[in-house]
Protein backbone atom coordinates (compact mmCIF):
# COMPACT_ATOMS: atom_id res chain seq x y z
CA MET A 1 0.06 -0.07 -0.12
CA THR A 2 2.98 2.37 0.79
CA ASP A 3 4.24 1.90 -2.74
CA VAL A 4 0.80 2.68 -4.24
CA LEU A 5 0.57 5.93 -2.12
CA ASN A 6 4.03 7.02 -3.21
CA SER A 7 3.12 6.28 -6.73
CA GLU A 8 -0.14 8.50 -6.43
CA LEU A 9 1.68 11.21 -4.92
CA LEU A 10 4.24 11.33 -7.56
CA LYS A 11 1.56 11.30 -10.15
CA LEU A 12 -0.17 14.28 -8.62
CA ARG A 13 3.01 16.21 -8.24
CA SER A 14 4.06 15.56 -11.91
CA VAL A 15 0.71 16.63 -13.42
CA ARG A 16 1.30 20.19 -14.64
CA SER A 17 -2.13 21.36 -13.65
CA THR A 18 -1.30 20.93 -10.10
CA SER A 19 1.21 23.60 -10.12
CA TYR A 20 -1.32 25.81 -12.10
CA VAL A 21 -4.03 25.08 -9.46
CA LEU A 22 -1.66 25.96 -6.62
CA LEU A 23 -0.51 29.15 -8.29
CA ALA A 24 -4.21 30.23 -8.94
CA ILE A 25 -4.92 29.88 -5.10
CA ALA A 26 -1.91 32.04 -4.44
CA VAL A 27 -3.01 34.72 -6.76
CA ALA A 28 -6.36 34.57 -5.14
CA LEU A 29 -4.80 35.08 -1.74
CA LEU A 30 -2.98 38.17 -3.08
CA GLY A 31 -6.16 39.42 -4.50
CA GLY A 32 -7.97 39.05 -1.22
CA ALA A 33 -5.26 40.84 0.46
CA LEU A 34 -5.55 43.72 -1.98
CA ILE A 35 -9.25 44.00 -1.35
CA SER A 36 -8.78 43.85 2.43
CA TYR A 37 -6.06 46.65 2.17
CA LEU A 38 -8.36 48.84 0.05
CA MET A 39 -11.42 48.25 2.37
CA THR A 40 -9.26 49.14 5.40
CA ALA A 41 -8.00 52.24 3.82
CA ASP A 42 -11.54 53.29 2.94
CA TRP A 43 -12.62 52.40 6.43
CA ASP A 44 -9.82 54.84 7.88
CA SER A 45 -11.13 57.78 5.88
CA SER A 46 -14.76 57.20 6.40
CA PRO A 47 -16.89 58.94 9.22
CA PRO A 48 -17.85 56.87 12.41
CA ASP A 49 -21.44 56.25 11.18
CA LEU A 50 -20.37 54.81 7.94
CA GLN A 51 -17.58 52.65 9.44
CA GLN A 52 -20.24 50.66 11.43
CA ARG A 53 -21.74 49.51 8.04
CA PHE A 54 -18.49 48.12 6.74
CA GLY A 55 -18.05 44.35 6.31
CA ALA A 56 -14.94 42.49 7.64
CA ALA A 57 -11.82 43.11 5.63
CA ASP A 58 -11.00 39.26 5.56
CA PRO A 59 -9.13 37.89 2.62
CA GLY A 60 -10.85 34.52 3.33
CA VAL A 61 -14.20 35.76 1.91
CA MET A 62 -12.51 35.76 -1.46
CA VAL A 63 -10.01 32.97 -1.02
CA VAL A 64 -12.30 30.25 0.28
CA PRO A 65 -14.84 30.17 -2.62
CA PHE A 66 -12.13 30.40 -5.33
CA GLY A 67 -10.09 27.86 -3.39
CA GLN A 68 -13.08 25.47 -3.25
CA PHE A 69 -13.28 25.46 -6.99
CA CYS A 70 -9.58 25.13 -7.39
CA LEU A 71 -9.22 22.25 -5.04
CA GLY A 72 -12.22 20.71 -6.79
CA VAL A 73 -10.35 20.99 -10.05
CA LEU A 74 -7.29 19.39 -8.35
CA GLY A 75 -9.33 16.39 -7.34
CA ALA A 76 -11.00 15.86 -10.74
CA LEU A 77 -7.73 16.23 -12.67
CA ALA A 78 -6.08 13.60 -10.36
CA VAL A 79 -8.26 11.16 -12.17
CA THR A 80 -9.35 12.53 -15.59
CA SER A 81 -5.66 13.34 -16.61
CA GLU A 82 -5.24 9.56 -16.45
CA TYR A 83 -8.25 8.83 -18.51
CA GLY A 84 -7.45 11.51 -20.97
CA SER A 85 -3.98 10.26 -21.46
CA GLY A 86 -4.92 6.64 -21.43
CA MET A 87 -2.52 5.96 -18.37
CA ILE A 88 -5.59 4.71 -16.39
CA ARG A 89 -5.07 1.28 -18.16
CA THR A 90 -1.38 1.18 -17.06
CA ALA A 91 -2.36 2.24 -13.59
CA LEU A 92 -4.85 -0.45 -13.13
CA VAL A 93 -2.56 -3.01 -14.48
CA SER A 94 0.10 -1.87 -11.91
CA VAL A 95 -2.34 -1.95 -9.31
CA PRO A 96 -5.02 -4.58 -10.13
CA ARG A 97 -6.83 -4.25 -6.83
CA ARG A 98 -8.99 -1.34 -7.81
CA LYS A 99 -10.11 -0.76 -4.25
CA ALA A 100 -6.35 -0.23 -3.31
CA TYR A 101 -5.97 2.06 -6.17
CA LEU A 102 -9.17 4.09 -5.10
CA ALA A 103 -8.01 4.19 -1.49
CA ALA A 104 -4.61 5.34 -2.40
CA LYS A 105 -5.91 8.13 -4.78
CA THR A 106 -8.32 9.25 -2.16
CA LEU A 107 -5.81 9.48 0.74
CA VAL A 108 -3.26 11.37 -1.41
CA VAL A 109 -6.00 13.94 -2.65
CA ALA A 110 -7.39 14.29 0.77
CA GLY A 111 -3.86 14.70 2.32
CA VAL A 112 -2.55 17.16 -0.16
CA SER A 113 -5.79 19.18 -0.16
CA ALA A 114 -5.91 19.19 3.71
CA VAL A 115 -2.26 20.71 3.82
CA VAL A 116 -3.16 23.26 1.08
CA ALA A 117 -6.41 24.11 2.87
CA VAL A 118 -4.90 24.77 6.30
CA VAL A 119 -2.02 26.78 4.81
CA THR A 120 -4.40 28.87 2.73
CA THR A 121 -6.98 29.59 5.31
CA LEU A 122 -4.18 30.37 8.01
CA LEU A 123 -2.39 32.68 5.57
CA ALA A 124 -5.74 34.41 4.73
CA TYR A 125 -6.43 34.99 8.35
CA LEU A 126 -2.88 36.14 9.28
CA THR A 127 -2.93 38.51 6.29
CA GLY A 128 -6.25 40.10 7.19
CA GLU A 129 -4.87 40.49 10.87
CA LEU A 130 -1.76 42.19 9.46
CA ILE A 131 -3.65 44.65 7.30
CA THR A 132 -6.52 45.61 9.81
CA GLY A 133 -4.12 45.77 12.70
CA ASP A 134 -5.83 46.80 16.10
CA ARG A 135 -8.91 48.21 14.37
CA PRO A 136 -12.11 47.05 15.86
CA LYS A 137 -15.02 45.17 14.55
CA PRO A 138 -16.79 45.29 11.97
CA ILE A 139 -13.55 45.95 9.85
CA SER A 140 -11.62 43.36 11.95
CA ALA A 141 -13.07 39.93 11.49
CA TYR A 142 -11.84 38.42 14.73
CA ASP A 143 -10.75 39.40 18.14
CA SER A 144 -8.23 36.63 18.51
CA LEU A 145 -6.82 33.39 16.89
CA GLY A 146 -8.98 31.46 19.18
CA ASP A 147 -12.05 33.31 17.98
CA ALA A 148 -11.10 32.40 14.41
CA VAL A 149 -10.30 28.72 14.90
CA PRO A 150 -13.80 27.42 14.31
CA THR A 151 -14.06 29.37 11.04
CA LEU A 152 -10.55 28.23 9.96
CA LEU A 153 -11.36 24.56 10.51
CA ALA A 154 -14.77 24.80 8.85
CA ASN A 155 -13.25 26.54 5.91
CA SER A 156 -10.63 23.94 5.75
CA ALA A 157 -13.08 21.13 5.97
CA SER A 158 -14.98 22.53 3.04
CA LEU A 159 -11.89 22.89 0.82
CA VAL A 160 -10.96 19.18 1.32
CA LEU A 161 -14.61 18.28 0.85
CA LEU A 162 -14.60 20.07 -2.64
CA ALA A 163 -11.28 18.11 -3.54
CA LEU A 164 -12.88 14.90 -2.69
CA VAL A 165 -16.14 15.83 -4.56
CA GLY A 166 -14.02 16.65 -7.65
CA LEU A 167 -12.11 13.31 -7.33
CA GLY A 168 -15.52 11.55 -7.14
CA LEU A 169 -16.73 13.47 -10.17
CA GLY A 170 -13.62 12.46 -12.04
CA PHE A 171 -14.25 8.80 -11.45
CA LEU A 172 -17.94 9.22 -12.33
CA LEU A 173 -17.72 11.29 -15.44
CA ARG A 174 -14.16 10.36 -16.68
CA SER A 175 -14.07 13.76 -18.55
CA THR A 176 -12.30 16.86 -17.40
CA ALA A 177 -14.87 19.16 -19.15
CA GLY A 178 -17.69 17.18 -17.61
CA ALA A 179 -16.20 17.21 -14.10
CA LEU A 180 -15.45 21.09 -14.24
CA VAL A 181 -18.83 21.92 -15.53
CA THR A 182 -20.62 19.77 -12.78
CA LEU A 183 -18.40 21.63 -10.15
CA CYS A 184 -19.22 25.05 -11.59
CA GLY A 185 -22.93 24.08 -11.42
CA LEU A 186 -22.72 22.84 -7.78
CA LEU A 187 -20.75 25.88 -6.59
CA PHE A 188 -22.06 28.79 -8.72
CA VAL A 189 -25.23 28.02 -10.56
CA LEU A 190 -27.39 25.60 -8.30
CA PRO A 191 -27.13 27.96 -5.26
CA VAL A 192 -28.50 30.86 -7.21
CA LEU A 193 -31.40 28.76 -8.65
CA THR A 194 -32.34 27.66 -5.21
CA LEU A 195 -33.05 31.34 -4.23
CA LEU A 196 -35.68 31.50 -7.00
CA LEU A 197 -37.83 29.02 -5.14
CA PRO A 198 -40.84 30.15 -3.14
CA SER A 199 -40.28 30.70 0.56
CA PRO A 200 -39.43 29.01 2.87
CA TRP A 201 -38.07 26.49 0.34
CA ASN A 202 -35.54 28.78 -0.95
CA ASP A 203 -33.72 29.14 2.41
CA ARG A 204 -33.91 25.38 3.05
CA ALA A 205 -32.57 24.51 -0.28
CA TYR A 206 -29.79 27.18 -0.16
CA SER A 207 -28.74 26.08 3.21
CA VAL A 208 -27.64 22.76 1.91
CA MET A 209 -25.55 24.17 -0.89
CA LEU A 210 -21.83 23.57 -0.91
CA PRO A 211 -20.74 27.28 -0.70
CA VAL A 212 -22.78 28.02 2.66
CA LEU A 213 -21.94 24.83 4.62
CA ALA A 214 -18.86 26.03 6.10
CA PRO A 215 -20.26 29.18 7.79
CA GLN A 216 -22.93 26.97 9.21
CA LEU A 217 -20.47 24.46 10.36
CA SER A 218 -18.48 27.02 12.23
CA GLY A 219 -21.54 28.51 13.80
CA GLU A 220 -20.65 32.06 12.66
CA LEU A 221 -23.99 32.66 11.00
CA PRO A 222 -26.64 34.16 13.02
CA ASN A 223 -29.79 31.97 13.24
CA PRO A 224 -28.51 29.60 10.50
CA PRO A 225 -31.02 27.19 8.90
CA LEU A 226 -28.75 24.11 9.86
CA SER A 227 -26.91 23.51 13.24
CA PRO A 228 -23.15 22.81 12.98
CA LEU A 229 -24.01 19.10 13.34
CA GLY A 230 -26.56 19.29 10.59
CA ALA A 231 -24.03 21.20 8.28
CA GLY A 232 -21.45 18.45 8.94
CA LEU A 233 -23.78 15.69 8.17
CA VAL A 234 -24.73 17.32 4.92
CA MET A 235 -21.06 17.74 3.99
CA ILE A 236 -20.54 14.06 4.79
CA SER A 237 -23.63 13.26 2.63
CA TYR A 238 -21.98 15.02 -0.49
CA LEU A 239 -18.87 12.98 0.19
CA LEU A 240 -20.65 9.67 0.38
CA VAL A 241 -22.98 10.19 -2.61
CA VAL A 242 -20.38 11.68 -4.92
CA LEU A 243 -17.35 9.65 -4.02
CA GLY A 244 -19.52 6.60 -3.67
CA ALA A 245 -20.96 7.00 -7.03
CA GLY A 246 -17.42 7.55 -8.57
CA ALA A 247 -16.05 4.38 -6.66
CA THR A 248 -19.05 2.42 -8.07
CA VAL A 249 -18.09 3.35 -11.61
CA LEU A 250 -14.43 2.62 -11.01
CA LEU A 251 -15.18 -0.96 -9.63
CA ARG A 252 -17.73 -1.94 -11.99
CA ARG A 253 -16.82 -0.61 -15.41
CA ASP A 254 -13.91 -1.34 -17.69
CA ALA A 255 -11.22 1.37 -17.92
């Protein structure tokens, strides 16, 4: 199993798109820092009554949604790049036990995405704190690191979830274009469509969409439709359904 894990890690590192995805996350982090700086500068020059209407100058507000998509792409490409190049046949000949291949691929994608997620969310938090300094709320998102920990953990969990959802879509669809279109639909299109439903179904449907699960998991939303436990169970359900469907396709269909 160790050899299979090392092989999957090497393959993920050698795919050119992995570097592009990580570079895109870094660019998003810089963009979030720039927006945070501009908001803070605007807050400094605003009268007190207007200052109270500002939102938090938190780079994570931009980084997390973009990072979710990027890590979803990373998970999908970990599979579809092999199907696209035909290397999937070689991989399954080298590892004839498909369950071992699936487990190794899942562990590597989960491990790499977890490292990227924790580093990204922590850097976003530290950057925001550095920019806002000792300014009070609402421009400063958190009072201390301890206050930010639930949000950082929830955001990291959502990033890892999207990487594994992308992996499951890769196994299920075996197409890079199909997986990316589906990811865009889950992250950007479907949540907007749920808001068009009549009340109260719009709020209920929107509460189980991928982009809003992390804030509910951390408990930072006031009066959220889902409890932290409920949000966590929905996240697990996404993982079981999508990754389970992808595993079924891998185990039952020819390469």
